[in-house]
Protein backbone atom coordinates (compact mmCIF):
# COMPACT_ATOMS: atom_id res chain seq x y z
CA MET A 1 -46.97 144.59 41.70
CA ILE A 2 -43.27 145.30 41.32
CA GLN A 3 -42.42 148.57 39.63
CA ILE A 4 -40.19 148.70 36.57
CA LYS A 5 -37.63 150.79 38.50
CA VAL A 6 -37.35 148.04 41.10
CA ILE A 7 -36.78 145.41 38.41
CA HIS A 8 -34.12 147.62 36.81
CA GLY A 9 -32.46 147.96 40.21
CA ILE A 10 -32.38 144.18 40.69
CA ILE A 11 -30.91 143.73 37.21
CA LEU A 12 -28.25 146.32 38.03
CA PHE A 13 -27.34 144.46 41.23
CA ILE A 14 -26.98 141.18 39.34
CA LEU A 15 -25.02 142.79 36.51
CA ILE A 16 -22.51 144.31 38.92
CA ALA A 17 -22.14 140.96 40.72
CA PHE A 18 -21.47 139.17 37.41
CA LEU A 19 -18.92 141.82 36.43
CA LEU A 20 -17.17 141.35 39.76
CA ILE A 21 -17.22 137.56 39.51
CA PHE A 22 -15.95 137.37 35.95
CA GLY A 23 -13.47 140.17 36.60
CA PHE A 24 -11.74 138.05 39.23
CA LYS A 25 -11.14 135.32 36.64
CA ASN A 26 -8.91 137.69 34.62
CA PHE A 27 -6.48 138.33 37.47
CA GLN A 28 -3.68 135.93 38.29
CA LEU A 29 -5.04 135.04 41.72
CA SER A 30 -4.90 131.69 43.43
CA LEU A 31 -8.03 129.54 43.37
CA PRO A 32 -8.87 130.02 47.09
CA ILE A 33 -8.66 133.80 46.69
CA GLN A 34 -10.86 133.71 43.55
CA ASN A 35 -13.37 131.48 45.36
CA SER A 36 -13.40 133.85 48.33
CA LEU A 37 -13.99 136.95 46.25
CA MET A 38 -16.69 135.25 44.18
CA LEU A 39 -18.47 134.05 47.32
CA ALA A 40 -18.26 137.55 48.78
CA ALA A 41 -19.71 139.07 45.60
CA VAL A 42 -22.61 136.59 45.46
CA LEU A 43 -23.51 136.93 49.15
CA SER A 44 -23.24 140.71 49.06
CA CYS A 45 -25.41 140.86 45.93
CA PHE A 46 -28.04 138.64 47.55
CA ASN A 47 -28.01 140.76 50.71
CA GLY A 48 -28.12 143.94 48.64
CA ILE A 49 -31.16 142.80 46.67
CA ALA A 50 -32.97 141.66 49.82
CA SER A 51 -32.17 144.94 51.54
CA PHE A 52 -33.17 147.00 48.51
CA LEU A 53 -36.53 145.22 48.17
CA SER A 54 -37.39 145.36 51.86
CA LEU A 55 -36.39 149.01 52.28
CA ASN A 56 -38.24 149.94 49.09
CA VAL A 57 -41.42 148.46 50.54
CA ALA A 58 -40.79 149.87 54.04
CA TRP A 59 -40.26 153.39 52.68
CA LYS A 60 -44.00 153.75 52.12
CA LYS A 61 -44.75 152.63 55.71
CA SER A 62 -44.39 154.50 58.99
CA ASN A 63 -41.04 155.69 60.27
CA ALA A 64 -41.05 153.03 62.98
CA MET A 65 -41.58 150.32 60.38
CA PHE A 66 -38.88 151.75 58.12
CA PHE A 67 -36.27 151.89 60.88
CA GLY A 68 -37.28 148.44 62.09
CA VAL A 69 -36.63 147.05 58.63
CA PHE A 70 -33.42 149.08 58.33
CA PHE A 71 -31.94 147.75 61.58
CA SER A 72 -33.17 144.23 60.80
CA ASN A 73 -31.24 144.43 57.54
CA LEU A 74 -28.11 145.47 59.44
CA ALA A 75 -28.52 142.57 61.86
CA TRP A 76 -29.07 140.15 58.97
CA LYS A 77 -25.90 141.37 57.23
CA MET A 78 -23.88 140.89 60.41
CA LEU A 79 -25.33 137.40 60.82
CA VAL A 80 -24.36 136.49 57.25
CA LEU A 81 -20.87 137.88 57.86
CA GLY A 82 -20.50 135.73 60.98
CA PHE A 83 -21.78 132.52 59.39
CA THR A 84 -19.63 133.12 56.32
CA ALA A 85 -16.53 133.61 58.48
CA PHE A 86 -17.29 130.37 60.33
CA PHE A 87 -17.90 128.45 57.09
CA ILE A 88 -14.75 129.78 55.43
CA PHE A 89 -12.64 129.16 58.54
CA LYS A 90 -13.59 125.47 58.37
CA ASN A 91 -13.13 125.16 54.59
CA GLN A 92 -9.73 125.09 52.87
CA ASP A 93 -11.11 126.10 49.44
CA PHE A 94 -11.39 129.72 50.57
CA ASP A 95 -9.03 132.36 51.93
CA LEU A 96 -10.49 133.84 55.11
CA VAL A 97 -8.88 137.27 54.87
CA PHE A 98 -9.85 137.90 51.25
CA ALA A 99 -13.35 136.57 51.83
CA LEU A 100 -13.99 138.87 54.78
CA ILE A 101 -12.42 141.92 53.14
CA GLY A 102 -14.37 141.22 49.94
CA LEU A 103 -17.59 140.69 51.87
CA VAL A 104 -17.20 143.98 53.72
CA LEU A 105 -16.23 145.98 50.62
CA PHE A 106 -18.92 144.46 48.41
CA THR A 107 -21.54 144.91 51.13
CA PHE A 108 -20.66 148.62 51.23
CA LEU A 109 -20.85 148.74 47.43
CA PHE A 110 -24.25 147.06 47.19
CA THR A 111 -25.66 148.93 50.21
CA GLY A 112 -24.60 152.24 48.67
CA LEU A 113 -26.15 151.20 45.37
CA GLY A 114 -29.38 150.23 47.13
CA ILE A 115 -29.58 153.50 49.02
CA THR A 116 -28.91 155.45 45.84
CA LEU A 117 -31.62 153.55 43.94
CA ILE A 118 -34.15 153.95 46.74
CA LEU A 119 -33.55 157.69 46.94
CA LYS A 120 -33.73 157.93 43.16
CA ASN A 121 -37.04 156.02 43.12
CA VAL A 122 -38.63 158.22 45.76
CA CYS A 123 -37.09 161.62 44.96
CA GLY A 124 -40.50 162.83 43.81
CA ASP A 125 -42.18 161.39 46.90
CA HIS A 126 -43.73 164.05 49.12
CA ARG A 127 -42.47 162.23 52.26
CA LEU A 128 -38.86 162.83 51.22
CA ASN A 129 -39.49 166.51 50.64
CA HIS A 130 -41.42 166.85 53.88
CA ARG A 131 -39.01 164.75 55.95
CA TYR A 132 -35.91 166.74 54.98
CA GLY A 133 -37.45 170.16 54.58
CA PHE A 134 -37.16 170.48 50.79
C-alpha cells in the first residue's frame, strides 16, 4: 500500500510540472521554445516520479538492491535524454538547445526534489541513523 507521504510527493512533482508548463505560456517565447520547455518539464516530471517511487521502495531493501536501482535510474534518464534529443532533432516543432537545457535543468530539479522527499520520509528510519553514524 502506498503511504500518504508518497502520494503527497507525487502530487508535489505534478504541481511543480504544471507550474513550469503554465509559467512558460506567460513569457513571450516562440512556439518551438515553449514546446521544448514543456516537453522537458513533462519528461523530467515523469522520470522524477518513477525515480522517486523506485528509490522509495529500494530504500527498504539491501544496499546492493538500492544502488542497483539508483544506477538503473541514472541509465534510464540518460536513455530518455538521448531519445529525446534524437526525436527533437528530427522534429521542427521543437528547439533542440532549449529542449536539452530544459531537460537537464528540470531533471536536476526533480531529482533533487525526489532525494529531499526520500530523505524526509526516512529521516526516522534506523537505517539512516546507522548508515551515517547519527
